[in-house]
Amino acid sequence: MATRNRDDAFWTTPKVNLVQCSAASFANKSARYHRNPFLSPSRIYLGRGRCLELKQLRLRTVLPNFLIIGAMKSGTSSLHYYLGRHDDIYTPNLKEPGLFLDYSNEIPIVSSMSANQIKMGLSNDQLLRTLLNGYHGEKMFGESSTFYTKAPYMGSEVPARLSKLCPDMKFIYLVRNPLARIVAQYRHHAAVAKQPFNGGRPVALTQRPFNEELAENPGAYVELSRYFAQLNHYLRFFPKASFKVIVFERFVKNVPATLKNVFEFLGVESRQYDGGNFKVYNEGKQRTRKVFGEIRYSAANYVRVMSAVSPDLTELKHFMADDIPEWDISAAKWCDFQANR
């Protein structure tokens, strides 16, 4: 299987396209391109509905300028598509492309949504064309890949790469009650019959009960709930002001207020949506509850998870200057002392 070539020379390859364009449309599109600092191709109108477009693909003209980096099972799909409704924000139909991952060393475990839209081994040019299909010069171009907060299993190289390619990148990170997120991740992987990680490669999941799976493979779940540890990889290269951390429980409770905060962070005009149009994307709870029922932690697993998550949660709260009262991580809520292991 071919891997994606991450040769930086690609990003400065000149592109020449002959596109259909009426005189009026050409004038309108040119005005929009000139207003947009992230895309500025040279266009020559040839008449008879044809326009010669000379586009120099440079880093600052085609790469995303904001990322939704996670966390997995924390509302990233919904936020991705909600943001794409804004006139000044472009989010591709393809979610989880992992544009900035190093595919020479790791193969991502694509979501079922991504697997239907993209094949492994696409070249940089093909992947970028896929992501830019539908882009019309919007001020903000966002990519959403939860792979970026799955260190050390994948994405560890991303912060350093981004600091060189996109030093002005903005990051949106959704975080969820860490114990609830682990349960949601288990439900997701069990439902799609894939285990989270094994050296970066997908393997078949034996349908083990939750506590057995967590005892055998704790890191693949716990590390993704150590939110500040994941953020810290990026804070070595980017200032605190580059990050917007969103509490999942507040997001689902008040979507318009969350979007308003995100719009302000991205520097676009705030706007309201009709609350009736907020479809939930990639929700796994209902489709797996009948199969797995209520899930609670064994005493041993609860202690194991909390020993890793509690210090990280303290640092996250300090970073956010927020006690996050919505998160109940008590043993009374999550622990079943009669459960095995």
C-alpha atoms as a PDB file:
ATOM      1  CA  MET A   1       0.000   0.000   0.000  1.00  0.00           C
ATOM      2  CA  ALA A   2       1.399   3.350  -1.005  1.00  0.00           C
ATOM      3  CA  THR A   3       1.923   5.983   1.633  1.00  0.00           C
ATOM      4  CA  ARG A   4       1.371   9.679   1.242  1.00  0.00           C
ATOM      5  CA  ASN A   5       4.441  11.617   0.292  1.00  0.00           C
ATOM      6  CA  ARG A   6       4.931  14.590   2.609  1.00  0.00           C
ATOM      7  CA  ASP A   7       7.515  16.311   0.390  1.00  0.00           C
ATOM      8  CA  ASP A   8       7.248  20.036   1.127  1.00  0.00           C
ATOM      9  CA  ALA A   9       8.038  20.765  -2.531  1.00  0.00           C
ATOM     10  CA  PHE A  10       4.456  19.785  -3.320  1.00  0.00           C
ATOM     11  CA  TRP A  11       3.077  22.823  -1.567  1.00  0.00           C
ATOM     12  CA  THR A  12       4.788  25.243  -3.981  1.00  0.00           C
ATOM     13  CA  THR A  13       3.884  23.449  -7.225  1.00  0.00           C
ATOM     14  CA  PRO A  14       2.154  25.839  -9.670  1.00  0.00           C
ATOM     15  CA  LYS A  15      -1.267  24.728 -10.871  1.00  0.00           C
ATOM     16  CA  VAL A  16      -2.915  25.851 -14.095  1.00  0.00           C
ATOM     17  CA  ASN A  17      -6.606  25.135 -14.606  1.00  0.00           C
ATOM     18  CA  LEU A  18      -8.928  25.965 -17.481  1.00  0.00           C
ATOM     19  CA  VAL A  19     -12.338  26.488 -15.900  1.00  0.00           C
ATOM     20  CA  GLN A  20     -15.785  27.413 -17.143  1.00  0.00           C
ATOM     21  CA  CYS A  21     -16.626  30.950 -16.085  1.00  0.00           C
ATOM     22  CA  SER A  22     -18.927  33.606 -17.513  1.00  0.00           C
ATOM     23  CA  ALA A  23     -17.768  37.216 -17.618  1.00  0.00           C
ATOM     24  CA  ALA A  24     -20.125  38.231 -14.794  1.00  0.00           C
ATOM     25  CA  SER A  25     -19.235  35.199 -12.698  1.00  0.00           C
ATOM     26  CA  PHE A  26     -15.564  35.854 -13.294  1.00  0.00           C
ATOM     27  CA  ALA A  27     -15.877  39.404 -11.990  1.00  0.00           C
ATOM     28  CA  ASN A  28     -17.776  38.264  -8.886  1.00  0.00           C
ATOM     29  CA  LYS A  29     -15.404  35.436  -8.092  1.00  0.00           C
ATOM     30  CA  SER A  30     -12.323  37.587  -8.641  1.00  0.00           C
ATOM     31  CA  ALA A  31     -13.646  40.189  -6.209  1.00  0.00           C
ATOM     32  CA  ARG A  32     -14.219  37.500  -3.604  1.00  0.00           C
ATOM     33  CA  TYR A  33     -10.750  36.037  -4.077  1.00  0.00           C
ATOM     34  CA  HIS A  34      -9.143  39.441  -3.718  1.00  0.00           C
ATOM     35  CA  ARG A  35     -11.005  40.023  -0.436  1.00  0.00           C
ATOM     36  CA  ASN A  36      -9.746  36.740   0.918  1.00  0.00           C
ATOM     37  CA  PRO A  37      -6.133  36.751   2.232  1.00  0.00           C
ATOM     38  CA  PHE A  38      -5.936  32.954   2.132  1.00  0.00           C
ATOM     39  CA  LEU A  39      -6.529  32.447  -1.586  1.00  0.00           C
ATOM     40  CA  SER A  40      -5.246  34.752  -4.303  1.00  0.00           C
ATOM     41  CA  PRO A  41      -4.950  33.066  -7.724  1.00  0.00           C
ATOM     42  CA  SER A  42      -4.279  34.980 -10.909  1.00  0.00           C
ATOM     43  CA  ARG A  43      -7.179  34.712 -13.333  1.00  0.00           C
ATOM     44  CA  ILE A  44      -7.306  35.653 -17.002  1.00  0.00           C
ATOM     45  CA  TYR A  45     -10.711  35.785 -18.674  1.00  0.00           C
ATOM     46  CA  LEU A  46     -10.464  34.276 -22.160  1.00  0.00           C
ATOM     47  CA  GLY A  47     -14.029  34.919 -23.314  1.00  0.00           C
ATOM     48  CA  ARG A  48     -16.680  32.421 -24.412  1.00  0.00           C
ATOM     49  CA  GLY A  49     -17.196  31.266 -20.866  1.00  0.00           C
ATOM     50  CA  ARG A  50     -13.603  30.286 -20.234  1.00  0.00           C
ATOM     51  CA  CYS A  51     -11.202  31.486 -17.595  1.00  0.00           C
ATOM     52  CA  LEU A  52      -7.516  30.607 -17.270  1.00  0.00           C
ATOM     53  CA  GLU A  53      -6.738  30.189 -13.596  1.00  0.00           C
ATOM     54  CA  LEU A  54      -3.111  30.228 -12.498  1.00  0.00           C
ATOM     55  CA  LYS A  55      -3.029  29.127  -8.907  1.00  0.00           C
ATOM     56  CA  GLN A  56       0.186  28.925  -6.953  1.00  0.00           C
ATOM     57  CA  LEU A  57      -0.376  26.499  -4.117  1.00  0.00           C
ATOM     58  CA  ARG A  58       1.463  28.006  -1.184  1.00  0.00           C
ATOM     59  CA  LEU A  59       1.254  26.986   2.438  1.00  0.00           C
ATOM     60  CA  ARG A  60      -0.672  30.018   3.578  1.00  0.00           C
ATOM     61  CA  THR A  61      -3.103  29.917   0.692  1.00  0.00           C
ATOM     62  CA  VAL A  62      -4.385  26.342   0.782  1.00  0.00           C
ATOM     63  CA  LEU A  63      -3.723  24.715   4.130  1.00  0.00           C
ATOM     64  CA  PRO A  64      -6.293  24.870   6.937  1.00  0.00           C
ATOM     65  CA  ASN A  65      -5.937  27.777   9.341  1.00  0.00           C
ATOM     66  CA  PHE A  66      -7.830  26.100  12.161  1.00  0.00           C
ATOM     67  CA  LEU A  67      -8.103  22.523  13.383  1.00  0.00           C
ATOM     68  CA  ILE A  68     -10.587  20.631  15.520  1.00  0.00           C
ATOM     69  CA  ILE A  69      -8.146  18.233  17.169  1.00  0.00           C
ATOM     70  CA  GLY A  70     -10.409  16.158  19.429  1.00  0.00           C
ATOM     71  CA  ALA A  71     -11.171  14.602  21.680  1.00  0.00           C
ATOM     72  CA  MET A  72     -12.622  11.444  20.213  1.00  0.00           C
ATOM     73  CA  LYS A  73     -16.324  10.955  21.091  1.00  0.00           C
ATOM     74  CA  SER A  74     -16.660  14.529  22.365  1.00  0.00           C
ATOM     75  CA  GLY A  75     -18.841  16.177  19.733  1.00  0.00           C
ATOM     76  CA  THR A  76     -16.213  16.901  17.076  1.00  0.00           C
ATOM     77  CA  SER A  77     -18.351  15.689  14.163  1.00  0.00           C
ATOM     78  CA  SER A  78     -21.286  17.863  15.134  1.00  0.00           C
ATOM     79  CA  LEU A  79     -19.124  20.955  15.648  1.00  0.00           C
ATOM     80  CA  HIS A  80     -17.341  20.321  12.342  1.00  0.00           C
ATOM     81  CA  TYR A  81     -20.563  20.373  10.358  1.00  0.00           C
ATOM     82  CA  TYR A  82     -22.188  23.185  12.365  1.00  0.00           C
ATOM     83  CA  LEU A  83     -19.240  25.477  11.672  1.00  0.00           C
ATOM     84  CA  GLY A  84     -19.434  24.690   7.981  1.00  0.00           C
ATOM     85  CA  ARG A  85     -22.819  26.423   7.804  1.00  0.00           C
ATOM     86  CA  HIS A  86     -21.180  29.807   8.378  1.00  0.00           C
ATOM     87  CA  ASP A  87     -20.580  31.843   5.220  1.00  0.00           C
ATOM     88  CA  ASP A  88     -16.998  32.647   6.207  1.00  0.00           C
ATOM     89  CA  ILE A  89     -16.022  29.147   7.358  1.00  0.00           C
ATOM     90  CA  TYR A  90     -15.263  26.178   5.146  1.00  0.00           C
ATOM     91  CA  THR A  91     -15.168  22.662   6.565  1.00  0.00           C
ATOM     92  CA  PRO A  92     -14.768  19.802   4.058  1.00  0.00           C
ATOM     93  CA  ASN A  93     -17.309  17.014   3.789  1.00  0.00           C
ATOM     94  CA  LEU A  94     -14.454  14.681   4.638  1.00  0.00           C
ATOM     95  CA  LYS A  95     -13.808  14.476   8.361  1.00  0.00           C
ATOM     96  CA  GLU A  96     -10.795  12.721   9.917  1.00  0.00           C
ATOM     97  CA  PRO A  97      -8.470  13.067   6.903  1.00  0.00           C
ATOM     98  CA  GLY A  98      -5.370  13.439   9.102  1.00  0.00           C
ATOM     99  CA  LEU A  99      -3.767  15.831   6.626  1.00  0.00           C
ATOM    100  CA  PHE A 100      -0.768  16.550   8.854  1.00  0.00           C
ATOM    101  CA  LEU A 101      -0.055  12.987   9.983  1.00  0.00           C
ATOM    102  CA  ASP A 102       3.120  11.190   8.955  1.00  0.00           C
ATOM    103  CA  TYR A 103       1.781   8.244   6.999  1.00  0.00           C
ATOM    104  CA  SER A 104       5.241   6.829   6.376  1.00  0.00           C
ATOM    105  CA  ASN A 105       5.318   5.625   9.986  1.00  0.00           C
ATOM    106  CA  GLU A 106       1.689   5.060  10.894  1.00  0.00           C
ATOM    107  CA  ILE A 107      -1.582   4.100   9.314  1.00  0.00           C
ATOM    108  CA  PRO A 108      -4.618   5.795  10.831  1.00  0.00           C
ATOM    109  CA  ILE A 109      -7.667   3.865  11.883  1.00  0.00           C
ATOM    110  CA  VAL A 110     -10.240   5.718   9.837  1.00  0.00           C
ATOM    111  CA  SER A 111     -13.773   6.175  11.081  1.00  0.00           C
ATOM    112  CA  SER A 112     -16.584   4.500   9.185  1.00  0.00           C
ATOM    113  CA  MET A 113     -17.536   7.923   7.807  1.00  0.00           C
ATOM    114  CA  SER A 114     -14.034   8.581   6.479  1.00  0.00           C
ATOM    115  CA  ALA A 115     -13.585   5.040   5.175  1.00  0.00           C
ATOM    116  CA  ASN A 116     -16.473   5.519   2.791  1.00  0.00           C
ATOM    117  CA  GLN A 117     -14.984   8.682   1.322  1.00  0.00           C
ATOM    118  CA  ILE A 118     -11.251   8.215   1.078  1.00  0.00           C
ATOM    119  CA  LYS A 119      -8.809   5.414   0.334  1.00  0.00           C
ATOM    120  CA  MET A 120      -5.442   5.047   1.957  1.00  0.00           C
ATOM    121  CA  GLY A 121      -2.481   5.895  -0.230  1.00  0.00           C
ATOM    122  CA  LEU A 122      -3.773   9.123  -1.756  1.00  0.00           C
ATOM    123  CA  SER A 123      -1.042  11.499  -2.819  1.00  0.00           C
ATOM    124  CA  ASN A 124      -0.820  14.955  -1.253  1.00  0.00           C
ATOM    125  CA  ASP A 125      -2.310  16.427  -4.396  1.00  0.00           C
ATOM    126  CA  GLN A 126      -5.275  14.048  -4.381  1.00  0.00           C
ATOM    127  CA  LEU A 127      -5.965  14.503  -0.681  1.00  0.00           C
ATOM    128  CA  LEU A 128      -5.751  18.278  -0.874  1.00  0.00           C
ATOM    129  CA  ARG A 129      -8.016  18.356  -3.902  1.00  0.00           C
ATOM    130  CA  THR A 130     -10.507  16.243  -1.982  1.00  0.00           C
ATOM    131  CA  LEU A 131     -10.443  18.609   0.988  1.00  0.00           C
ATOM    132  CA  LEU A 132     -10.682  21.732  -1.192  1.00  0.00           C
ATOM    133  CA  ASN A 133     -13.598  20.436  -3.244  1.00  0.00           C
ATOM    134  CA  GLY A 134     -16.246  23.026  -2.436  1.00  0.00           C
ATOM    135  CA  TYR A 135     -13.874  25.692  -1.118  1.00  0.00           C
ATOM    136  CA  HIS A 136     -14.745  29.156  -2.436  1.00  0.00           C
ATOM    137  CA  GLY A 137     -12.301  31.429  -0.679  1.00  0.00           C
ATOM    138  CA  GLU A 138     -13.878  31.437   2.785  1.00  0.00           C
ATOM    139  CA  LYS A 139     -11.863  33.307   5.388  1.00  0.00           C
ATOM    140  CA  MET A 140     -11.456  30.260   7.621  1.00  0.00           C
ATOM    141  CA  PHE A 141     -10.642  26.764   6.390  1.00  0.00           C
ATOM    142  CA  GLY A 142     -10.923  24.073   9.044  1.00  0.00           C
ATOM    143  CA  GLU A 143      -9.906  20.433   9.222  1.00  0.00           C
ATOM    144  CA  SER A 144     -11.154  18.041  11.907  1.00  0.00           C
ATOM    145  CA  SER A 145      -9.134  14.972  12.899  1.00  0.00           C
ATOM    146  CA  THR A 146      -9.186  13.438  16.361  1.00  0.00           C
ATOM    147  CA  PHE A 147      -5.979  11.611  15.360  1.00  0.00           C
ATOM    148  CA  TYR A 148      -4.162  14.773  16.445  1.00  0.00           C
ATOM    149  CA  THR A 149      -4.842  14.082  20.131  1.00  0.00           C
ATOM    150  CA  LYS A 150      -4.055  10.374  20.230  1.00  0.00           C
ATOM    151  CA  ALA A 151      -0.416  10.613  21.277  1.00  0.00           C
ATOM    152  CA  PRO A 152       1.685   8.581  21.782  1.00  0.00           C
ATOM    153  CA  TYR A 153      -0.113   6.178  19.450  1.00  0.00           C
ATOM    154  CA  MET A 154      -0.313   8.585  16.538  1.00  0.00           C
ATOM    155  CA  GLY A 155       0.066  12.277  15.823  1.00  0.00           C
ATOM    156  CA  SER A 156       3.068  12.902  18.095  1.00  0.00           C
ATOM    157  CA  GLU A 157       4.897  14.579  15.210  1.00  0.00           C
ATOM    158  CA  VAL A 158       2.018  16.907  14.306  1.00  0.00           C
ATOM    159  CA  PRO A 159       2.701  19.884  16.650  1.00  0.00           C
ATOM    160  CA  ALA A 160       6.287  20.318  15.450  1.00  0.00           C
ATOM    161  CA  ARG A 161       5.235  19.994  11.816  1.00  0.00           C
ATOM    162  CA  LEU A 162       2.446  22.532  12.239  1.00  0.00           C
ATOM    163  CA  SER A 163       4.766  25.032  13.915  1.00  0.00           C
ATOM    164  CA  LYS A 164       6.790  25.119  10.684  1.00  0.00           C
ATOM    165  CA  LEU A 165       3.995  24.894   8.138  1.00  0.00           C
ATOM    166  CA  CYS A 166       1.220  26.869   9.866  1.00  0.00           C
ATOM    167  CA  PRO A 167       2.632  28.978  12.726  1.00  0.00           C
ATOM    168  CA  ASP A 168      -0.635  30.944  13.025  1.00  0.00           C
ATOM    169  CA  MET A 169      -2.838  27.858  13.331  1.00  0.00           C
ATOM    170  CA  LYS A 170      -5.793  27.976  15.712  1.00  0.00           C
ATOM    171  CA  PHE A 171      -6.903  24.889  17.622  1.00  0.00           C
ATOM    172  CA  ILE A 172     -10.317  23.841  18.922  1.00  0.00           C
ATOM    173  CA  TYR A 173     -10.323  21.029  21.477  1.00  0.00           C
ATOM    174  CA  LEU A 174     -13.544  19.533  22.821  1.00  0.00           C
ATOM    175  CA  VAL A 175     -13.201  17.743  26.141  1.00  0.00           C
ATOM    176  CA  ARG A 176     -15.712  15.506  27.885  1.00  0.00           C
ATOM    177  CA  ASN A 177     -16.049  13.925  31.312  1.00  0.00           C
ATOM    178  CA  PRO A 178     -13.011  11.626  31.007  1.00  0.00           C
ATOM    179  CA  LEU A 179     -14.811   8.581  32.375  1.00  0.00           C
ATOM    180  CA  ALA A 180     -17.796   9.108  30.091  1.00  0.00           C
ATOM    181  CA  ARG A 181     -15.512   9.582  27.097  1.00  0.00           C
ATOM    182  CA  ILE A 182     -13.760   6.252  27.736  1.00  0.00           C
ATOM    183  CA  VAL A 183     -17.102   4.454  27.861  1.00  0.00           C
ATOM    184  CA  ALA A 184     -18.190   6.163  24.622  1.00  0.00           C
ATOM    185  CA  GLN A 185     -14.930   5.179  22.946  1.00  0.00           C
ATOM    186  CA  TYR A 186     -15.406   1.555  23.989  1.00  0.00           C
ATOM    187  CA  ARG A 187     -18.974   1.565  22.652  1.00  0.00           C
ATOM    188  CA  HIS A 188     -17.742   3.030  19.372  1.00  0.00           C
ATOM    189  CA  HIS A 189     -14.902   0.581  18.826  1.00  0.00           C
ATOM    190  CA  ALA A 190     -16.961  -2.410  19.863  1.00  0.00           C
ATOM    191  CA  ALA A 191     -19.764  -1.324  17.535  1.00  0.00           C
ATOM    192  CA  VAL A 192     -17.482  -1.008  14.497  1.00  0.00           C
ATOM    193  CA  ALA A 193     -15.508  -4.127  15.521  1.00  0.00           C
ATOM    194  CA  LYS A 194     -12.149  -2.413  15.639  1.00  0.00           C
ATOM    195  CA  GLN A 195      -9.697  -2.111  18.447  1.00  0.00           C
ATOM    196  CA  PRO A 196      -8.326   1.394  19.036  1.00  0.00           C
ATOM    197  CA  PHE A 197      -4.613   0.853  18.530  1.00  0.00           C
ATOM    198  CA  ASN A 198      -1.986  -1.784  18.031  1.00  0.00           C
ATOM    199  CA  GLY A 199       1.188  -0.118  16.856  1.00  0.00           C
ATOM    200  CA  GLY A 200      -0.925   2.309  14.850  1.00  0.00           C
ATOM    201  CA  ARG A 201      -2.665  -0.444  12.861  1.00  0.00           C
ATOM    202  CA  PRO A 202      -6.281  -1.619  13.073  1.00  0.00           C
ATOM    203  CA  VAL A 203      -6.878  -5.146  14.357  1.00  0.00           C
ATOM    204  CA  ALA A 204     -10.041  -7.140  14.881  1.00  0.00           C
ATOM    205  CA  LEU A 205     -11.683  -6.569  18.243  1.00  0.00           C
ATOM    206  CA  THR A 206     -12.703  -9.584  20.237  1.00  0.00           C
ATOM    207  CA  GLN A 207     -16.020  -8.619  21.762  1.00  0.00           C
ATOM    208  CA  ARG A 208     -14.648  -8.448  25.262  1.00  0.00           C
ATOM    209  CA  PRO A 209     -16.701  -6.931  28.072  1.00  0.00           C
ATOM    210  CA  PHE A 210     -15.802  -3.364  28.952  1.00  0.00           C
ATOM    211  CA  ASN A 211     -13.804  -4.052  32.102  1.00  0.00           C
ATOM    212  CA  GLU A 212     -11.867  -6.900  30.515  1.00  0.00           C
ATOM    213  CA  GLU A 213     -11.012  -4.747  27.500  1.00  0.00           C
ATOM    214  CA  LEU A 214      -9.968  -1.803  29.674  1.00  0.00           C
ATOM    215  CA  ALA A 215      -7.789  -4.004  31.876  1.00  0.00           C
ATOM    216  CA  GLU A 216      -6.038  -5.517  28.858  1.00  0.00           C
ATOM    217  CA  ASN A 217      -5.666  -2.333  26.828  1.00  0.00           C
ATOM    218  CA  PRO A 218      -5.814   0.626  29.244  1.00  0.00           C
ATOM    219  CA  GLY A 219      -3.526   3.105  27.499  1.00  0.00           C
ATOM    220  CA  ALA A 220      -5.494   3.214  24.265  1.00  0.00           C
ATOM    221  CA  TYR A 221      -8.451   4.560  26.229  1.00  0.00           C
ATOM    222  CA  VAL A 222      -6.915   6.462  29.120  1.00  0.00           C
ATOM    223  CA  GLU A 223      -4.371   8.485  27.143  1.00  0.00           C
ATOM    224  CA  LEU A 224      -7.136  10.024  25.050  1.00  0.00           C
ATOM    225  CA  SER A 225      -8.803  11.244  28.258  1.00  0.00           C
ATOM    226  CA  ARG A 226      -5.623  12.884  29.555  1.00  0.00           C
ATOM    227  CA  TYR A 227      -6.566  16.141  27.907  1.00  0.00           C
ATOM    228  CA  PHE A 228      -3.893  18.427  29.281  1.00  0.00           C
ATOM    229  CA  ALA A 229      -1.181  15.907  28.402  1.00  0.00           C
ATOM    230  CA  GLN A 230      -2.417  15.979  24.807  1.00  0.00           C
ATOM    231  CA  LEU A 231      -2.567  19.776  24.817  1.00  0.00           C
ATOM    232  CA  ASN A 232       0.900  20.007  26.254  1.00  0.00           C
ATOM    233  CA  HIS A 233       2.394  18.553  23.069  1.00  0.00           C
ATOM    234  CA  TYR A 234       1.072  21.629  21.244  1.00  0.00           C
ATOM    235  CA  LEU A 235       1.836  24.179  23.957  1.00  0.00           C
ATOM    236  CA  ARG A 236       5.529  23.547  23.384  1.00  0.00           C
ATOM    237  CA  PHE A 237       5.121  25.181  19.954  1.00  0.00           C
ATOM    238  CA  PHE A 238       2.062  27.450  20.154  1.00  0.00           C
ATOM    239  CA  PRO A 239       0.891  30.133  22.623  1.00  0.00           C
ATOM    240  CA  LYS A 240      -2.078  29.605  24.891  1.00  0.00           C
ATOM    241  CA  ALA A 241      -4.102  32.119  22.866  1.00  0.00           C
ATOM    242  CA  SER A 242      -4.070  29.694  19.916  1.00  0.00           C
ATOM    243  CA  PHE A 243      -6.395  27.280  21.732  1.00  0.00           C
ATOM    244  CA  LYS A 244     -10.096  27.164  22.409  1.00  0.00           C
ATOM    245  CA  VAL A 245     -11.084  24.398  24.823  1.00  0.00           C
ATOM    246  CA  ILE A 246     -14.789  23.530  24.799  1.00  0.00           C
ATOM    247  CA  VAL A 247     -16.543  21.461  27.441  1.00  0.00           C
ATOM    248  CA  PHE A 248     -18.684  18.895  25.650  1.00  0.00           C
ATOM    249  CA  GLU A 249     -21.456  18.925  28.253  1.00  0.00           C
ATOM    250  CA  ARG A 250     -21.909  22.687  27.782  1.00  0.00           C
ATOM    251  CA  PHE A 251     -21.787  22.340  24.014  1.00  0.00           C
ATOM    252  CA  VAL A 252     -24.672  19.868  23.849  1.00  0.00           C
ATOM    253  CA  LYS A 253     -26.677  21.865  26.382  1.00  0.00           C
ATOM    254  CA  ASN A 254     -26.343  25.189  24.556  1.00  0.00           C
ATOM    255  CA  VAL A 255     -25.122  24.857  20.977  1.00  0.00           C
ATOM    256  CA  PRO A 256     -25.767  28.490  19.914  1.00  0.00           C
ATOM    257  CA  ALA A 257     -23.767  29.899  22.828  1.00  0.00           C
ATOM    258  CA  THR A 258     -20.880  27.551  22.048  1.00  0.00           C
ATOM    259  CA  LEU A 259     -20.896  28.513  18.379  1.00  0.00           C
ATOM    260  CA  LYS A 260     -20.876  32.197  19.272  1.00  0.00           C
ATOM    261  CA  ASN A 261     -17.742  31.684  21.363  1.00  0.00           C
ATOM    262  CA  VAL A 262     -16.093  29.723  18.572  1.00  0.00           C
ATOM    263  CA  PHE A 263     -16.936  32.379  15.985  1.00  0.00           C
ATOM    264  CA  GLU A 264     -15.321  35.021  18.183  1.00  0.00           C
ATOM    265  CA  PHE A 265     -12.249  32.832  18.579  1.00  0.00           C
ATOM    266  CA  LEU A 266     -11.986  32.363  14.805  1.00  0.00           C
ATOM    267  CA  GLY A 267     -12.511  36.057  14.118  1.00  0.00           C
ATOM    268  CA  VAL A 268     -15.678  35.763  12.052  1.00  0.00           C
ATOM    269  CA  GLU A 269     -18.962  37.573  12.507  1.00  0.00           C
ATOM    270  CA  SER A 270     -21.161  35.923  15.099  1.00  0.00           C
ATOM    271  CA  ARG A 271     -24.476  34.601  13.906  1.00  0.00           C
ATOM    272  CA  GLN A 272     -27.326  32.579  15.329  1.00  0.00           C
ATOM    273  CA  TYR A 273     -28.690  29.299  14.005  1.00  0.00           C
ATOM    274  CA  ASP A 274     -32.154  27.850  14.333  1.00  0.00           C
ATOM    275  CA  GLY A 275     -31.842  25.443  17.258  1.00  0.00           C
ATOM    276  CA  GLY A 276     -34.176  23.033  15.509  1.00  0.00           C
ATOM    277  CA  ASN A 277     -31.552  22.298  12.875  1.00  0.00           C
ATOM    278  CA  PHE A 278     -28.908  20.887  15.205  1.00  0.00           C
ATOM    279  CA  LYS A 279     -28.665  17.307  14.051  1.00  0.00           C
ATOM    280  CA  VAL A 280     -26.303  15.188  16.169  1.00  0.00           C
ATOM    281  CA  TYR A 281     -23.563  13.619  14.048  1.00  0.00           C
ATOM    282  CA  ASN A 282     -21.807  10.291  14.697  1.00  0.00           C
ATOM    283  CA  GLU A 283     -23.663   9.602  17.939  1.00  0.00           C
ATOM    284  CA  GLY A 284     -22.989   6.114  19.229  1.00  0.00           C
ATOM    285  CA  LYS A 285     -24.942   5.962  22.487  1.00  0.00           C
ATOM    286  CA  GLN A 286     -28.329   4.829  21.218  1.00  0.00           C
ATOM    287  CA  ARG A 287     -27.041   2.322  18.676  1.00  0.00           C
ATOM    288  CA  THR A 288     -24.963   0.473  21.275  1.00  0.00           C
ATOM    289  CA  ARG A 289     -26.960   0.778  24.497  1.00  0.00           C
ATOM    290  CA  LYS A 290     -29.254  -2.117  23.627  1.00  0.00           C
ATOM    291  CA  VAL A 291     -26.232  -4.314  22.962  1.00  0.00           C
ATOM    292  CA  PHE A 292     -24.023  -3.359  25.901  1.00  0.00           C
ATOM    293  CA  GLY A 293     -26.483  -1.937  28.408  1.00  0.00           C
ATOM    294  CA  GLU A 294     -25.278   0.334  31.176  1.00  0.00           C
ATOM    295  CA  ILE A 295     -21.498   0.286  31.596  1.00  0.00           C
ATOM    296  CA  ARG A 296     -19.720   0.852  34.899  1.00  0.00           C
ATOM    297  CA  TYR A 297     -16.099   0.482  35.979  1.00  0.00           C
ATOM    298  CA  SER A 298     -14.789  -2.308  38.149  1.00  0.00           C
ATOM    299  CA  ALA A 299     -13.046  -1.110  41.313  1.00  0.00           C
ATOM    300  CA  ALA A 300      -9.625  -2.016  39.925  1.00  0.00           C
ATOM    301  CA  ASN A 301     -10.229  -0.230  36.617  1.00  0.00           C
ATOM    302  CA  TYR A 302     -11.697   2.818  38.325  1.00  0.00           C
ATOM    303  CA  VAL A 303      -8.608   3.190  40.512  1.00  0.00           C
ATOM    304  CA  ARG A 304      -6.315   2.615  37.529  1.00  0.00           C
ATOM    305  CA  VAL A 305      -8.043   5.211  35.375  1.00  0.00           C
ATOM    306  CA  MET A 306      -8.386   7.809  38.107  1.00  0.00           C
ATOM    307  CA  SER A 307      -4.716   7.536  39.049  1.00  0.00           C
ATOM    308  CA  ALA A 308      -3.853   8.628  35.512  1.00  0.00           C
ATOM    309  CA  VAL A 309      -6.690  11.076  34.901  1.00  0.00           C
ATOM    310  CA  SER A 310      -6.894  12.984  38.214  1.00  0.00           C
ATOM    311  CA  PRO A 311      -3.505  14.793  38.059  1.00  0.00           C
ATOM    312  CA  ASP A 312      -4.142  15.645  34.410  1.00  0.00           C
ATOM    313  CA  LEU A 313      -7.590  16.996  35.235  1.00  0.00           C
ATOM    314  CA  THR A 314      -6.086  19.300  37.854  1.00  0.00           C
ATOM    315  CA  GLU A 315      -3.738  20.745  35.239  1.00  0.00           C
ATOM    316  CA  LEU A 316      -6.532  21.114  32.698  1.00  0.00           C
ATOM    317  CA  LYS A 317      -8.695  23.043  35.156  1.00  0.00           C
ATOM    318  CA  HIS A 318      -5.764  25.341  35.921  1.00  0.00           C
ATOM    319  CA  PHE A 319      -5.142  25.887  32.203  1.00  0.00           C
ATOM    320  CA  MET A 320      -8.802  26.717  31.602  1.00  0.00           C
ATOM    321  CA  ALA A 321      -9.255  28.619  34.898  1.00  0.00           C
ATOM    322  CA  ASP A 322     -12.426  26.560  35.223  1.00  0.00           C
ATOM    323  CA  ASP A 323     -13.512  23.975  37.812  1.00  0.00           C
ATOM    324  CA  ILE A 324     -15.750  22.226  35.236  1.00  0.00           C
ATOM    325  CA  PRO A 325     -18.504  21.434  37.768  1.00  0.00           C
ATOM    326  CA  GLU A 326     -20.430  19.424  35.146  1.00  0.00           C
ATOM    327  CA  TRP A 327     -17.992  16.527  35.458  1.00  0.00           C
ATOM    328  CA  ASP A 328     -18.991  14.019  38.105  1.00  0.00           C
ATOM    329  CA  ILE A 329     -16.138  11.500  38.319  1.00  0.00           C
ATOM    330  CA  SER A 330     -17.109  10.025  41.679  1.00  0.00           C
ATOM    331  CA  ALA A 331     -16.924   6.309  42.409  1.00  0.00           C
ATOM    332  CA  ALA A 332     -20.583   6.389  43.417  1.00  0.00           C
ATOM    333  CA  LYS A 333     -21.566   7.288  39.870  1.00  0.00           C
ATOM    334  CA  TRP A 334     -19.083   5.250  37.862  1.00  0.00           C
ATOM    335  CA  CYS A 335     -17.862   2.301  39.907  1.00  0.00           C
ATOM    336  CA  ASP A 336     -19.488  -1.116  40.264  1.00  0.00           C
ATOM    337  CA  PHE A 337     -17.714  -2.782  43.156  1.00  0.00           C
ATOM    338  CA  GLN A 338     -19.221  -6.144  42.210  1.00  0.00           C
ATOM    339  CA  ALA A 339     -17.794  -6.068  38.660  1.00  0.00           C
ATOM    340  CA  ASN A 340     -14.968  -8.462  37.806  1.00  0.00           C
ATOM    341  CA  ARG A 341     -11.426  -7.123  37.486  1.00  0.00           C
END
